[in-house]
N, C-alpha and C. Protein backbone atom coordinates (compact mmCIF):
# COMPACT_ATOMS: atom_id res chain seq x y z
N MET A 1 37.07 -13.34 -45.95
CA MET A 1 36.25 -13.12 -44.79
C MET A 1 37.16 -12.96 -43.57
N VAL A 2 37.39 -11.73 -43.23
CA VAL A 2 38.35 -11.38 -42.19
C VAL A 2 37.91 -11.89 -40.82
N SER A 3 36.61 -11.84 -40.54
CA SER A 3 36.16 -12.23 -39.20
C SER A 3 36.45 -13.70 -38.92
N LEU A 4 36.37 -14.56 -39.92
CA LEU A 4 36.70 -15.96 -39.70
C LEU A 4 38.20 -16.16 -39.48
N LEU A 5 39.02 -15.29 -40.05
CA LEU A 5 40.47 -15.39 -39.84
C LEU A 5 40.86 -14.90 -38.45
N LEU A 6 40.05 -13.98 -37.89
CA LEU A 6 40.37 -13.45 -36.57
C LEU A 6 39.99 -14.40 -35.44
N VAL A 7 39.07 -15.31 -35.69
CA VAL A 7 38.61 -16.23 -34.65
C VAL A 7 39.75 -17.11 -34.13
N PRO A 8 40.54 -17.78 -34.99
CA PRO A 8 41.66 -18.57 -34.46
C PRO A 8 42.69 -17.71 -33.73
N ALA A 9 42.93 -16.51 -34.22
CA ALA A 9 43.87 -15.61 -33.54
C ALA A 9 43.34 -15.25 -32.15
N GLY A 10 42.04 -15.04 -32.06
CA GLY A 10 41.44 -14.74 -30.76
C GLY A 10 41.55 -15.90 -29.80
N LEU A 11 41.32 -17.10 -30.31
CA LEU A 11 41.41 -18.28 -29.44
C LEU A 11 42.84 -18.49 -28.93
N VAL A 12 43.81 -18.31 -29.80
CA VAL A 12 45.21 -18.44 -29.39
C VAL A 12 45.57 -17.37 -28.36
N SER A 13 45.09 -16.15 -28.59
CA SER A 13 45.36 -15.06 -27.64
C SER A 13 44.75 -15.33 -26.28
N VAL A 14 43.53 -15.85 -26.26
CA VAL A 14 42.88 -16.17 -24.98
C VAL A 14 43.71 -17.21 -24.23
N LEU A 15 44.13 -18.25 -24.92
CA LEU A 15 44.91 -19.29 -24.26
C LEU A 15 46.26 -18.76 -23.77
N ALA A 16 46.89 -17.90 -24.57
CA ALA A 16 48.19 -17.36 -24.18
C ALA A 16 48.06 -16.44 -22.96
N LEU A 17 47.09 -15.55 -22.98
CA LEU A 17 46.92 -14.62 -21.86
C LEU A 17 46.50 -15.35 -20.58
N ALA A 18 45.56 -16.27 -20.71
CA ALA A 18 45.13 -17.03 -19.54
C ALA A 18 46.27 -17.91 -19.02
N GLY A 19 47.02 -18.51 -19.93
CA GLY A 19 48.15 -19.33 -19.52
C GLY A 19 49.21 -18.53 -18.78
N TYR A 20 49.48 -17.32 -19.26
CA TYR A 20 50.46 -16.46 -18.58
C TYR A 20 49.95 -16.09 -17.20
N GLY A 21 48.71 -15.61 -17.15
CA GLY A 21 48.16 -15.15 -15.87
C GLY A 21 48.08 -16.26 -14.83
N LEU A 22 47.52 -17.39 -15.21
CA LEU A 22 47.37 -18.49 -14.26
C LEU A 22 48.70 -19.16 -13.97
N GLY A 23 49.57 -19.28 -14.98
CA GLY A 23 50.88 -19.91 -14.76
C GLY A 23 51.76 -19.11 -13.82
N THR A 24 51.75 -17.80 -13.99
CA THR A 24 52.56 -16.95 -13.12
C THR A 24 52.06 -17.00 -11.68
N LEU A 25 50.75 -16.95 -11.51
CA LEU A 25 50.20 -17.05 -10.16
C LEU A 25 50.44 -18.44 -9.57
N GLY A 26 50.39 -19.45 -10.40
CA GLY A 26 50.60 -20.80 -9.93
C GLY A 26 52.02 -21.05 -9.45
N ARG A 27 52.98 -20.41 -10.07
CA ARG A 27 54.38 -20.59 -9.67
C ARG A 27 54.66 -20.04 -8.28
N SER A 28 54.14 -18.85 -8.00
CA SER A 28 54.46 -18.23 -6.71
C SER A 28 53.31 -18.29 -5.72
N GLY A 29 52.13 -18.63 -6.17
CA GLY A 29 50.97 -18.63 -5.29
C GLY A 29 50.41 -17.23 -5.16
N VAL A 30 49.14 -17.15 -4.91
CA VAL A 30 48.49 -15.84 -4.81
C VAL A 30 49.03 -15.06 -3.63
N ARG A 31 49.19 -15.73 -2.50
CA ARG A 31 49.68 -15.04 -1.31
C ARG A 31 51.17 -14.73 -1.39
N GLY A 32 51.91 -15.57 -2.09
CA GLY A 32 53.36 -15.35 -2.19
C GLY A 32 53.74 -14.33 -3.25
N ALA A 33 52.82 -14.03 -4.15
CA ALA A 33 53.11 -13.07 -5.22
C ALA A 33 53.02 -11.66 -4.67
N GLY A 34 53.86 -10.82 -5.16
CA GLY A 34 53.82 -9.42 -4.78
C GLY A 34 52.69 -8.70 -5.49
N ARG A 35 52.49 -7.46 -5.11
CA ARG A 35 51.41 -6.65 -5.68
C ARG A 35 51.57 -6.50 -7.19
N GLU A 36 52.78 -6.25 -7.63
CA GLU A 36 53.04 -6.05 -9.06
C GLU A 36 52.71 -7.32 -9.87
N VAL A 37 53.07 -8.47 -9.35
CA VAL A 37 52.79 -9.74 -10.04
C VAL A 37 51.30 -10.00 -10.09
N ARG A 38 50.60 -9.77 -8.98
CA ARG A 38 49.14 -9.97 -8.97
C ARG A 38 48.45 -9.03 -9.95
N LEU A 39 48.91 -7.80 -10.06
CA LEU A 39 48.31 -6.85 -11.00
C LEU A 39 48.58 -7.27 -12.44
N ARG A 40 49.81 -7.72 -12.73
CA ARG A 40 50.11 -8.18 -14.09
C ARG A 40 49.27 -9.40 -14.45
N CYS A 41 49.13 -10.32 -13.53
CA CYS A 41 48.31 -11.52 -13.78
C CYS A 41 46.85 -11.14 -13.94
N GLY A 42 46.37 -10.21 -13.13
CA GLY A 42 45.00 -9.73 -13.27
C GLY A 42 44.78 -9.08 -14.63
N ALA A 43 45.76 -8.31 -15.08
CA ALA A 43 45.65 -7.67 -16.39
C ALA A 43 45.60 -8.73 -17.49
N ALA A 44 46.41 -9.77 -17.37
CA ALA A 44 46.41 -10.83 -18.38
C ALA A 44 45.08 -11.58 -18.39
N LEU A 45 44.55 -11.88 -17.21
CA LEU A 45 43.28 -12.61 -17.14
C LEU A 45 42.12 -11.75 -17.63
N LEU A 46 42.10 -10.48 -17.28
CA LEU A 46 41.06 -9.59 -17.78
C LEU A 46 41.19 -9.41 -19.30
N GLY A 47 42.42 -9.35 -19.78
CA GLY A 47 42.64 -9.28 -21.22
C GLY A 47 42.14 -10.54 -21.92
N ALA A 48 42.35 -11.69 -21.30
CA ALA A 48 41.84 -12.94 -21.87
C ALA A 48 40.32 -12.93 -21.94
N CYS A 49 39.69 -12.40 -20.90
CA CYS A 49 38.22 -12.30 -20.91
C CYS A 49 37.75 -11.35 -22.01
N ALA A 50 38.44 -10.23 -22.19
CA ALA A 50 38.07 -9.26 -23.23
C ALA A 50 38.19 -9.88 -24.62
N VAL A 51 39.28 -10.57 -24.86
CA VAL A 51 39.49 -11.21 -26.16
C VAL A 51 38.47 -12.33 -26.37
N ALA A 52 38.15 -13.07 -25.31
CA ALA A 52 37.16 -14.13 -25.42
C ALA A 52 35.79 -13.57 -25.79
N MET A 53 35.39 -12.47 -25.16
CA MET A 53 34.10 -11.86 -25.48
C MET A 53 34.09 -11.35 -26.92
N TYR A 54 35.17 -10.72 -27.35
CA TYR A 54 35.25 -10.20 -28.71
C TYR A 54 35.21 -11.35 -29.72
N THR A 55 35.91 -12.44 -29.42
CA THR A 55 35.90 -13.60 -30.31
C THR A 55 34.51 -14.22 -30.38
N TRP A 56 33.80 -14.25 -29.27
CA TRP A 56 32.42 -14.74 -29.26
C TRP A 56 31.55 -13.88 -30.19
N GLY A 57 31.74 -12.57 -30.13
CA GLY A 57 31.01 -11.68 -31.03
C GLY A 57 31.41 -11.90 -32.48
N LEU A 58 32.70 -12.15 -32.73
CA LEU A 58 33.16 -12.43 -34.09
C LEU A 58 32.51 -13.68 -34.66
N LEU A 59 32.31 -14.67 -33.82
CA LEU A 59 31.63 -15.89 -34.28
C LEU A 59 30.20 -15.57 -34.71
N HIS A 60 29.52 -14.71 -33.99
CA HIS A 60 28.17 -14.30 -34.37
C HIS A 60 28.18 -13.53 -35.69
N VAL A 61 29.14 -12.62 -35.84
CA VAL A 61 29.23 -11.85 -37.08
C VAL A 61 29.56 -12.77 -38.25
N ALA A 62 30.47 -13.71 -38.05
CA ALA A 62 30.81 -14.65 -39.12
C ALA A 62 29.59 -15.47 -39.52
N GLY A 63 28.79 -15.88 -38.56
CA GLY A 63 27.57 -16.60 -38.87
C GLY A 63 26.59 -15.75 -39.67
N ALA A 64 26.50 -14.45 -39.33
CA ALA A 64 25.62 -13.55 -40.06
C ALA A 64 26.12 -13.33 -41.48
N VAL A 65 27.43 -13.24 -41.66
CA VAL A 65 27.99 -13.06 -43.00
C VAL A 65 27.74 -14.31 -43.85
N ILE A 66 27.95 -15.46 -43.27
CA ILE A 66 27.70 -16.71 -44.00
C ILE A 66 26.23 -16.80 -44.40
N GLU A 67 25.35 -16.41 -43.48
CA GLU A 67 23.92 -16.45 -43.75
C GLU A 67 23.54 -15.43 -44.83
N ALA A 68 24.19 -14.25 -44.83
CA ALA A 68 23.90 -13.23 -45.83
C ALA A 68 24.41 -13.64 -47.20
N GLU A 69 25.53 -14.33 -47.25
CA GLU A 69 26.12 -14.74 -48.52
C GLU A 69 25.43 -15.97 -49.11
N ASP A 70 24.66 -16.66 -48.31
CA ASP A 70 23.97 -17.86 -48.77
C ASP A 70 22.82 -17.46 -49.68
N GLY A 71 22.88 -17.90 -50.91
CA GLY A 71 21.81 -17.60 -51.86
C GLY A 71 20.67 -18.58 -51.69
N GLY A 72 19.73 -18.48 -52.57
CA GLY A 72 18.63 -19.43 -52.53
C GLY A 72 17.29 -18.75 -52.46
N THR A 73 16.27 -19.54 -52.21
CA THR A 73 14.92 -19.02 -52.28
C THR A 73 14.58 -18.06 -51.16
N ASP A 74 15.20 -18.17 -50.03
CA ASP A 74 14.87 -17.30 -48.89
C ASP A 74 15.99 -16.30 -48.62
N SER A 75 16.65 -15.80 -49.66
CA SER A 75 17.81 -14.94 -49.44
C SER A 75 17.52 -13.46 -49.57
N ALA A 76 16.32 -13.07 -49.96
CA ALA A 76 16.00 -11.65 -50.07
C ALA A 76 14.74 -11.37 -49.28
N PRO A 77 14.75 -10.41 -48.42
CA PRO A 77 15.89 -9.61 -47.96
C PRO A 77 16.88 -10.46 -47.15
N LEU A 78 18.06 -9.92 -46.97
CA LEU A 78 19.11 -10.66 -46.25
C LEU A 78 18.58 -11.13 -44.89
N ARG A 79 18.79 -12.39 -44.59
CA ARG A 79 18.26 -12.96 -43.35
C ARG A 79 18.76 -12.26 -42.09
N PRO A 80 20.04 -11.91 -41.98
CA PRO A 80 20.46 -11.23 -40.75
C PRO A 80 19.83 -9.84 -40.59
N CYS A 81 19.38 -9.25 -41.68
CA CYS A 81 18.79 -7.91 -41.61
C CYS A 81 17.32 -7.93 -41.23
N ARG A 82 16.74 -9.10 -41.15
CA ARG A 82 15.33 -9.23 -40.75
C ARG A 82 15.26 -9.22 -39.23
N SER A 83 15.15 -8.06 -38.68
CA SER A 83 15.12 -7.95 -37.23
C SER A 83 13.71 -7.56 -36.79
N PRO A 84 13.39 -7.82 -35.55
CA PRO A 84 12.08 -7.40 -35.05
C PRO A 84 11.93 -5.89 -35.16
N GLY A 85 10.74 -5.46 -35.43
CA GLY A 85 10.51 -4.03 -35.59
C GLY A 85 9.97 -3.76 -36.97
N PRO A 86 10.31 -2.63 -37.54
CA PRO A 86 9.78 -2.29 -38.86
C PRO A 86 10.28 -3.24 -39.95
N TRP A 87 9.42 -4.09 -40.45
CA TRP A 87 9.77 -5.06 -41.47
C TRP A 87 10.11 -4.37 -42.78
N GLU A 88 9.55 -3.19 -43.01
CA GLU A 88 9.73 -2.49 -44.29
C GLU A 88 11.19 -2.12 -44.54
N ARG A 89 11.92 -1.79 -43.49
CA ARG A 89 13.32 -1.39 -43.71
C ARG A 89 14.14 -2.56 -44.23
N ALA A 90 13.82 -3.78 -43.86
CA ALA A 90 14.55 -4.94 -44.37
C ALA A 90 14.31 -5.13 -45.87
N LEU A 91 13.17 -4.67 -46.35
CA LEU A 91 12.87 -4.79 -47.78
C LEU A 91 13.73 -3.87 -48.63
N HIS A 92 14.32 -2.83 -48.02
CA HIS A 92 15.12 -1.86 -48.75
C HIS A 92 16.63 -2.07 -48.58
N VAL A 93 17.02 -3.19 -48.01
CA VAL A 93 18.44 -3.48 -47.80
C VAL A 93 19.08 -3.86 -49.13
N VAL A 94 20.21 -3.21 -49.44
CA VAL A 94 20.92 -3.49 -50.68
C VAL A 94 22.29 -4.13 -50.44
N ASP A 95 22.85 -3.95 -49.27
CA ASP A 95 24.18 -4.48 -48.99
C ASP A 95 24.38 -4.55 -47.48
N TYR A 96 25.54 -5.00 -47.07
CA TYR A 96 25.89 -5.06 -45.66
C TYR A 96 27.37 -4.77 -45.52
N ARG A 97 27.77 -4.48 -44.30
CA ARG A 97 29.19 -4.33 -43.98
C ARG A 97 29.39 -4.82 -42.55
N VAL A 98 30.61 -5.14 -42.24
CA VAL A 98 30.96 -5.59 -40.89
C VAL A 98 31.76 -4.47 -40.23
N GLU A 99 31.33 -4.10 -39.03
CA GLU A 99 32.09 -3.13 -38.24
C GLU A 99 32.78 -3.89 -37.12
N TYR A 100 34.04 -3.56 -36.91
CA TYR A 100 34.83 -4.30 -35.93
C TYR A 100 34.91 -3.60 -34.59
N VAL A 101 34.72 -2.28 -34.55
CA VAL A 101 34.68 -1.55 -33.28
C VAL A 101 33.58 -0.51 -33.38
N PRO A 102 32.49 -0.60 -32.69
CA PRO A 102 32.03 -1.77 -31.97
C PRO A 102 31.64 -2.87 -32.96
N LEU A 103 31.71 -4.06 -32.50
CA LEU A 103 31.47 -5.22 -33.35
C LEU A 103 30.00 -5.28 -33.75
N GLY A 104 29.76 -5.41 -35.06
CA GLY A 104 28.38 -5.48 -35.51
C GLY A 104 28.25 -5.79 -36.99
N PHE A 105 27.07 -6.27 -37.36
CA PHE A 105 26.70 -6.54 -38.74
C PHE A 105 25.74 -5.43 -39.14
N VAL A 106 26.15 -4.58 -40.09
CA VAL A 106 25.38 -3.40 -40.45
C VAL A 106 24.73 -3.60 -41.81
N CYS A 107 23.42 -3.39 -41.86
CA CYS A 107 22.65 -3.51 -43.09
C CYS A 107 22.52 -2.11 -43.70
N GLU A 108 22.86 -2.00 -45.00
CA GLU A 108 22.79 -0.72 -45.70
C GLU A 108 21.55 -0.70 -46.59
N THR A 109 20.82 0.41 -46.57
CA THR A 109 19.57 0.52 -47.32
C THR A 109 19.74 1.35 -48.58
N LYS A 110 18.72 1.31 -49.45
CA LYS A 110 18.76 2.01 -50.73
C LYS A 110 18.96 3.50 -50.58
N ASP A 111 18.36 4.09 -49.56
CA ASP A 111 18.41 5.54 -49.39
C ASP A 111 19.71 6.03 -48.75
N GLY A 112 20.69 5.16 -48.60
CA GLY A 112 21.98 5.55 -48.03
C GLY A 112 22.04 5.39 -46.52
N GLY A 113 20.95 4.99 -45.91
CA GLY A 113 20.94 4.78 -44.47
C GLY A 113 21.47 3.40 -44.12
N SER A 114 21.55 3.15 -42.84
CA SER A 114 22.00 1.84 -42.38
C SER A 114 21.47 1.61 -40.98
N TYR A 115 21.47 0.36 -40.58
CA TYR A 115 21.12 -0.01 -39.22
C TYR A 115 21.88 -1.27 -38.85
N THR A 116 22.12 -1.42 -37.56
CA THR A 116 22.86 -2.57 -37.07
C THR A 116 21.88 -3.71 -36.80
N ALA A 117 22.13 -4.83 -37.41
CA ALA A 117 21.28 -6.01 -37.21
C ALA A 117 21.56 -6.59 -35.82
N ALA A 118 20.63 -7.37 -35.35
CA ALA A 118 20.73 -7.95 -34.01
C ALA A 118 21.49 -9.27 -34.03
N SER A 119 22.53 -9.37 -34.81
CA SER A 119 23.28 -10.63 -34.91
C SER A 119 24.26 -10.81 -33.76
N VAL A 120 24.80 -9.74 -33.22
CA VAL A 120 25.73 -9.82 -32.10
C VAL A 120 24.92 -9.60 -30.82
N PRO A 121 25.03 -10.48 -29.83
CA PRO A 121 24.29 -10.27 -28.58
C PRO A 121 24.62 -8.92 -27.95
N ASP A 122 23.63 -8.34 -27.30
CA ASP A 122 23.78 -6.99 -26.75
C ASP A 122 24.87 -6.88 -25.69
N TYR A 123 25.19 -7.95 -25.02
CA TYR A 123 26.17 -7.89 -23.93
C TYR A 123 27.61 -7.95 -24.41
N VAL A 124 27.86 -8.32 -25.64
CA VAL A 124 29.23 -8.59 -26.10
C VAL A 124 30.10 -7.32 -26.10
N ASN A 125 29.66 -6.27 -26.77
CA ASN A 125 30.48 -5.06 -26.87
C ASN A 125 30.73 -4.40 -25.51
N PRO A 126 29.70 -4.20 -24.66
CA PRO A 126 30.00 -3.60 -23.35
C PRO A 126 30.89 -4.48 -22.47
N ALA A 127 30.68 -5.79 -22.51
CA ALA A 127 31.51 -6.67 -21.69
C ALA A 127 32.95 -6.67 -22.17
N ALA A 128 33.15 -6.73 -23.48
CA ALA A 128 34.52 -6.70 -24.01
C ALA A 128 35.21 -5.38 -23.64
N ALA A 129 34.48 -4.28 -23.75
CA ALA A 129 35.06 -2.98 -23.40
C ALA A 129 35.38 -2.90 -21.91
N ALA A 130 34.50 -3.40 -21.05
CA ALA A 130 34.74 -3.35 -19.61
C ALA A 130 35.95 -4.22 -19.23
N PHE A 131 36.03 -5.42 -19.78
CA PHE A 131 37.18 -6.27 -19.49
C PHE A 131 38.48 -5.64 -20.00
N ALA A 132 38.43 -5.04 -21.19
CA ALA A 132 39.63 -4.39 -21.73
C ALA A 132 40.05 -3.21 -20.87
N LEU A 133 39.08 -2.41 -20.42
CA LEU A 133 39.39 -1.28 -19.55
C LEU A 133 40.00 -1.77 -18.24
N GLY A 134 39.44 -2.82 -17.68
CA GLY A 134 40.01 -3.39 -16.45
C GLY A 134 41.44 -3.88 -16.66
N ALA A 135 41.70 -4.49 -17.81
CA ALA A 135 43.05 -4.97 -18.11
C ALA A 135 44.02 -3.80 -18.22
N VAL A 136 43.60 -2.73 -18.86
CA VAL A 136 44.47 -1.56 -19.00
C VAL A 136 44.74 -0.93 -17.64
N VAL A 137 43.73 -0.83 -16.79
CA VAL A 137 43.92 -0.26 -15.46
C VAL A 137 44.88 -1.11 -14.64
N CYS A 138 44.70 -2.43 -14.68
CA CYS A 138 45.61 -3.32 -13.93
C CYS A 138 47.03 -3.24 -14.47
N ALA A 139 47.18 -3.19 -15.79
CA ALA A 139 48.53 -3.08 -16.37
C ALA A 139 49.17 -1.75 -15.99
N GLY A 140 48.39 -0.68 -16.01
CA GLY A 140 48.92 0.62 -15.60
C GLY A 140 49.32 0.64 -14.14
N ALA A 141 48.49 0.04 -13.28
CA ALA A 141 48.82 -0.02 -11.86
C ALA A 141 50.07 -0.87 -11.63
N ALA A 142 50.23 -1.94 -12.40
CA ALA A 142 51.44 -2.76 -12.28
C ALA A 142 52.67 -1.96 -12.70
N ALA A 143 52.54 -1.16 -13.74
CA ALA A 143 53.67 -0.33 -14.18
C ALA A 143 54.04 0.70 -13.12
N VAL A 144 53.04 1.31 -12.50
CA VAL A 144 53.30 2.29 -11.44
C VAL A 144 53.95 1.60 -10.25
N ALA A 145 53.46 0.43 -9.88
CA ALA A 145 54.05 -0.30 -8.75
C ALA A 145 55.49 -0.68 -9.06
N SER A 146 55.76 -1.08 -10.28
CA SER A 146 57.12 -1.44 -10.67
C SER A 146 58.05 -0.22 -10.62
N GLU A 147 57.54 0.90 -11.09
CA GLU A 147 58.34 2.13 -11.05
C GLU A 147 58.63 2.56 -9.62
N ARG A 148 57.65 2.46 -8.74
CA ARG A 148 57.87 2.82 -7.33
C ARG A 148 58.90 1.90 -6.69
N ARG A 149 58.79 0.60 -7.00
CA ARG A 149 59.74 -0.35 -6.43
C ARG A 149 61.15 -0.07 -6.94
N ALA A 150 61.28 0.31 -8.20
CA ALA A 150 62.60 0.60 -8.76
C ALA A 150 63.20 1.86 -8.13
N ARG A 151 62.38 2.81 -7.79
CA ARG A 151 62.90 4.05 -7.16
C ARG A 151 63.28 3.82 -5.71
N GLU A 152 62.62 2.86 -5.04
CA GLU A 152 62.92 2.60 -3.64
C GLU A 152 64.23 1.85 -3.45
N VAL A 153 64.64 1.09 -4.43
CA VAL A 153 65.87 0.31 -4.32
C VAL A 153 67.06 1.27 -4.46
N PRO A 154 67.91 1.33 -3.45
CA PRO A 154 69.05 2.24 -3.53
C PRO A 154 70.06 1.74 -4.57
N ALA A 155 70.65 2.68 -5.28
CA ALA A 155 71.66 2.34 -6.28
C ALA A 155 72.94 1.92 -5.58
N ALA A 156 73.59 0.91 -6.09
CA ALA A 156 74.81 0.40 -5.45
C ALA A 156 76.03 1.08 -5.99
């Protein structure tokens, strides 16, 4: 079960990114830090938020997988595939798969179709994408600022 293995990695990544971002700002202070340092710290903190949102979604997917794998009297149709709406489609579910980008628990039906179950909250994928995009923009701006600063320094 890959999603359960990714959860500890996500938690460690969140702590590492947040620790870097807050530690670096804490050493020099927000006002004492230059533009490049603030952008790098912002990228790290936004990256920590993106990883935290993705890990939160992974926990939901892992719960859905555990629930789907649980046998017993109430195991057919698969519990995560029982979503509000047309109940009949849940009766035709034969298998499931996990999609990692975008994160979701997908129920596969007899006729070859599929649908995404409502196991991952609707806000997780857009929030993770927005935080990741913000992190990339901040990291890119930090790289540009660093390059400009390097060109301004006269060679000795």
